[in-house]
Amino acid sequence: MEPIDKRNRLDGKPFSYRVTKNNTVFLDYQGQQVKILNGKEAERFLEKIKSAEGDEKEVQLILAKVTGNFKRGNERLASSKNKGKQQG
């Protein structure tokens, strides 16, 4: 089986999470909040994290999968196009 993190991006631990008293989970990518989990979704997430305790790479992989494909690589291009429309 091929490694999932081919470019070793998860080694830098870009993902983190915070849990509130009422079990709301905030997921962060490089210090920026990218997703909020509530209710059953938060419970399932916390169960997965608990099962992966001790394996930081597995925790990072779970966090990456839960946040989804929010970063596609075209953010800089899109923001520069929007700036051009605002100025013109």
C-alpha atoms as a PDB file:
ATOM      1  CA  MET A   1       0.000   0.000   0.000  1.00  0.00           C
ATOM      2  CA  GLU A   2       1.299   3.448  -0.915  1.00  0.00           C
ATOM      3  CA  PRO A   3       1.695   6.014   1.846  1.00  0.00           C
ATOM      4  CA  ILE A   4      -1.226   8.427   2.105  1.00  0.00           C
ATOM      5  CA  ASP A   5       0.880  11.477   2.993  1.00  0.00           C
ATOM      6  CA  LYS A   6       3.244  11.315   0.021  1.00  0.00           C
ATOM      7  CA  ARG A   7       4.668  14.806   0.522  1.00  0.00           C
ATOM      8  CA  ASN A   8       4.984  14.423   4.321  1.00  0.00           C
ATOM      9  CA  ARG A   9       2.872  17.487   5.000  1.00  0.00           C
ATOM     10  CA  LEU A  10       1.386  15.980   8.156  1.00  0.00           C
ATOM     11  CA  ASP A  11       4.834  15.707   9.760  1.00  0.00           C
ATOM     12  CA  GLY A  12       4.689  19.438  10.503  1.00  0.00           C
ATOM     13  CA  LYS A  13       1.454  18.906  12.478  1.00  0.00           C
ATOM     14  CA  PRO A  14      -0.586  21.550  10.649  1.00  0.00           C
ATOM     15  CA  PHE A  15      -3.892  20.440  12.214  1.00  0.00           C
ATOM     16  CA  SER A  16      -5.105  20.918  15.766  1.00  0.00           C
ATOM     17  CA  TYR A  17      -8.419  20.751  17.580  1.00  0.00           C
ATOM     18  CA  ARG A  18     -10.100  22.169  20.670  1.00  0.00           C
ATOM     19  CA  VAL A  19     -13.010  20.695  22.626  1.00  0.00           C
ATOM     20  CA  THR A  20     -15.386  22.877  24.651  1.00  0.00           C
ATOM     21  CA  LYS A  21     -17.296  21.875  27.774  1.00  0.00           C
ATOM     22  CA  ASN A  22     -20.405  21.087  25.718  1.00  0.00           C
ATOM     23  CA  ASN A  23     -18.376  18.823  23.346  1.00  0.00           C
ATOM     24  CA  THR A  24     -18.221  21.255  20.450  1.00  0.00           C
ATOM     25  CA  VAL A  25     -15.014  20.593  18.516  1.00  0.00           C
ATOM     26  CA  PHE A  26     -13.128  23.343  16.680  1.00  0.00           C
ATOM     27  CA  LEU A  27     -10.711  22.130  13.990  1.00  0.00           C
ATOM     28  CA  ASP A  28      -7.799  24.370  13.019  1.00  0.00           C
ATOM     29  CA  TYR A  29      -5.331  24.324  10.131  1.00  0.00           C
ATOM     30  CA  GLN A  30      -2.145  26.275  10.781  1.00  0.00           C
ATOM     31  CA  GLY A  31      -3.857  28.203  13.558  1.00  0.00           C
ATOM     32  CA  GLN A  32      -6.928  29.145  11.495  1.00  0.00           C
ATOM     33  CA  GLN A  33     -10.305  27.645  12.299  1.00  0.00           C
ATOM     34  CA  VAL A  34     -11.627  25.658   9.349  1.00  0.00           C
ATOM     35  CA  LYS A  35     -14.494  23.555  10.737  1.00  0.00           C
ATOM     36  CA  ILE A  36     -16.792  23.152  13.747  1.00  0.00           C
ATOM     37  CA  LEU A  37     -18.260  19.802  14.802  1.00  0.00           C
ATOM     38  CA  ASN A  38     -21.344  19.445  17.011  1.00  0.00           C
ATOM     39  CA  GLY A  39     -23.506  16.612  18.329  1.00  0.00           C
ATOM     40  CA  LYS A  40     -23.119  13.132  16.862  1.00  0.00           C
ATOM     41  CA  GLU A  41     -20.450  14.253  14.399  1.00  0.00           C
ATOM     42  CA  ALA A  42     -18.312  15.569  17.276  1.00  0.00           C
ATOM     43  CA  GLU A  43     -18.838  12.349  19.259  1.00  0.00           C
ATOM     44  CA  ARG A  44     -17.718  10.189  16.327  1.00  0.00           C
ATOM     45  CA  PHE A  45     -14.680  12.406  15.815  1.00  0.00           C
ATOM     46  CA  LEU A  46     -13.651  12.197  19.474  1.00  0.00           C
ATOM     47  CA  GLU A  47     -13.995   8.390  19.383  1.00  0.00           C
ATOM     48  CA  LYS A  48     -11.673   8.215  16.363  1.00  0.00           C
ATOM     49  CA  ILE A  49      -9.144  10.492  18.045  1.00  0.00           C
ATOM     50  CA  LYS A  50      -9.258   8.431  21.231  1.00  0.00           C
ATOM     51  CA  SER A  51      -8.595   5.233  19.278  1.00  0.00           C
ATOM     52  CA  ALA A  52      -5.564   6.862  17.592  1.00  0.00           C
ATOM     53  CA  GLU A  53      -4.021   8.159  20.840  1.00  0.00           C
ATOM     54  CA  GLY A  54      -0.255   7.903  20.865  1.00  0.00           C
ATOM     55  CA  ASP A  55       0.112   7.931  17.065  1.00  0.00           C
ATOM     56  CA  GLU A  56       0.434  11.607  16.130  1.00  0.00           C
ATOM     57  CA  LYS A  57       0.590  10.867  12.388  1.00  0.00           C
ATOM     58  CA  GLU A  58      -2.730   8.978  12.609  1.00  0.00           C
ATOM     59  CA  VAL A  59      -4.307  11.859  14.564  1.00  0.00           C
ATOM     60  CA  GLN A  60      -3.158  14.320  11.886  1.00  0.00           C
ATOM     61  CA  LEU A  61      -4.592  12.066   9.180  1.00  0.00           C
ATOM     62  CA  ILE A  62      -7.962  11.886  10.961  1.00  0.00           C
ATOM     63  CA  LEU A  63      -8.002  15.675  11.296  1.00  0.00           C
ATOM     64  CA  ALA A  64      -7.143  16.096   7.611  1.00  0.00           C
ATOM     65  CA  LYS A  65      -9.932  13.743   6.533  1.00  0.00           C
ATOM     66  CA  VAL A  66     -12.536  15.365   8.778  1.00  0.00           C
ATOM     67  CA  THR A  67     -11.741  18.875   7.568  1.00  0.00           C
ATOM     68  CA  GLY A  68     -12.242  17.687   4.003  1.00  0.00           C
ATOM     69  CA  ASN A  69     -10.821  19.120   0.829  1.00  0.00           C
ATOM     70  CA  PHE A  70     -10.928  22.780   1.814  1.00  0.00           C
ATOM     71  CA  LYS A  71      -7.531  23.686   0.351  1.00  0.00           C
ATOM     72  CA  ARG A  72      -7.283  23.104  -3.388  1.00  0.00           C
ATOM     73  CA  GLY A  73      -4.242  25.205  -4.288  1.00  0.00           C
ATOM     74  CA  ASN A  74      -6.037  27.910  -6.255  1.00  0.00           C
ATOM     75  CA  GLU A  75      -6.723  30.297  -3.373  1.00  0.00           C
ATOM     76  CA  ARG A  76      -4.031  32.785  -4.398  1.00  0.00           C
ATOM     77  CA  LEU A  77      -5.288  32.850  -7.990  1.00  0.00           C
ATOM     78  CA  ALA A  78      -8.894  33.400  -6.920  1.00  0.00           C
ATOM     79  CA  SER A  79      -8.019  36.196  -4.507  1.00  0.00           C
ATOM     80  CA  SER A  80      -5.991  38.030  -7.159  1.00  0.00           C
ATOM     81  CA  LYS A  81      -8.892  37.828  -9.617  1.00  0.00           C
ATOM     82  CA  ASN A  82     -11.245  39.303  -7.009  1.00  0.00           C
ATOM     83  CA  LYS A  83      -8.842  42.175  -6.321  1.00  0.00           C
ATOM     84  CA  GLY A  84      -8.785  43.078 -10.011  1.00  0.00           C
ATOM     85  CA  LYS A  85     -12.576  43.324 -10.103  1.00  0.00           C
ATOM     86  CA  GLN A  86     -12.684  45.553  -7.034  1.00  0.00           C
ATOM     87  CA  GLN A  87     -10.179  48.049  -8.433  1.00  0.00           C
ATOM     88  CA  GLY A  88     -11.660  48.288 -11.928  1.00  0.00           C
END
